[in-house]
Amino acid sequence: MSGAQLKWRRKRLDWTQTEMAKATGVTRNTIARWERDEMRITKAMSILIETVYQAAMKEKTQKGGK
């Protein structure tokens, strides 16, 4: 997963970097560095991010969000 892909997912959820960090168990600074492609997102973390994203989108959809 690239930094741009992470940022796109985060923005689709209307989350701040802090909210994404809390959901994935990392710091806000790590999210920022990933989004700027200063650090590589590991395969395991990519899977976790996608899982969190899918669950949050499902919840958002069920609550009537887009």
Protein backbone atom coordinates (compact mmCIF):
# COMPACT_ATOMS: atom_id res chain seq x y z
CA MET A 1 0.00 0.00 0.00
CA SER A 2 1.32 3.43 -0.89
CA GLY A 3 1.05 6.58 1.18
CA ALA A 4 -1.45 7.99 -1.30
CA GLN A 5 -3.63 4.90 -0.96
CA LEU A 6 -3.56 5.20 2.83
CA LYS A 7 -4.46 8.88 2.67
CA TRP A 8 -7.33 8.16 0.26
CA ARG A 9 -8.77 5.57 2.64
CA ARG A 10 -8.39 7.89 5.62
CA LYS A 11 -10.09 10.76 3.80
CA ARG A 12 -12.96 8.47 2.66
CA LEU A 13 -13.57 7.75 6.34
CA ASP A 14 -13.40 11.47 7.22
CA TRP A 15 -10.75 10.59 9.79
CA THR A 16 -7.83 12.65 11.01
CA GLN A 17 -4.35 11.17 11.10
CA THR A 18 -4.82 10.83 14.86
CA GLU A 19 -8.02 8.82 14.42
CA MET A 20 -6.34 6.52 11.89
CA ALA A 21 -3.38 6.12 14.23
CA LYS A 22 -5.62 5.10 17.13
CA ALA A 23 -7.49 2.61 14.96
CA THR A 24 -4.26 0.96 13.77
CA GLY A 25 -2.18 1.16 16.95
CA VAL A 26 0.53 3.49 15.69
CA THR A 27 1.37 7.14 16.29
CA ARG A 28 0.00 10.08 14.33
CA ASN A 29 3.56 10.79 13.21
CA THR A 30 3.80 7.30 11.70
CA ILE A 31 0.62 7.88 9.71
CA ALA A 32 2.01 11.22 8.48
CA ARG A 33 5.32 9.64 7.46
CA TRP A 34 3.55 6.80 5.66
CA GLU A 35 1.35 9.26 3.77
CA ARG A 36 4.44 11.18 2.65
CA ASP A 37 6.10 7.88 1.65
CA GLU A 38 8.94 8.57 4.08
CA MET A 39 8.44 5.10 5.59
CA ARG A 40 7.36 1.90 3.91
CA ILE A 41 4.07 0.37 5.01
CA THR A 42 4.68 -3.32 5.70
CA LYS A 43 2.50 -6.02 4.20
CA ALA A 44 1.10 -6.89 7.63
CA MET A 45 0.21 -3.27 8.36
CA SER A 46 -1.35 -2.91 4.90
CA ILE A 47 -3.63 -5.83 5.73
CA LEU A 48 -4.54 -4.29 9.09
CA ILE A 49 -5.24 -0.89 7.51
CA GLU A 50 -7.47 -2.49 4.87
CA THR A 51 -9.33 -4.48 7.53
CA VAL A 52 -9.89 -1.36 9.64
CA TYR A 53 -10.97 0.58 6.55
CA GLN A 54 -13.48 -2.07 5.44
CA ALA A 55 -14.98 -2.37 8.93
CA ALA A 56 -15.24 1.41 9.36
CA MET A 57 -16.81 1.84 5.92
CA LYS A 58 -19.36 -0.86 6.71
CA GLU A 59 -20.23 0.88 9.98
CA LYS A 60 -20.41 4.27 8.25
CA THR A 61 -22.71 2.86 5.55
CA GLN A 62 -24.99 1.25 8.13
CA LYS A 63 -25.30 4.61 9.89
CA GLY A 64 -26.42 6.24 6.65
CA GLY A 65 -23.12 7.81 5.61
CA LYS A 66 -21.65 7.74 2.11
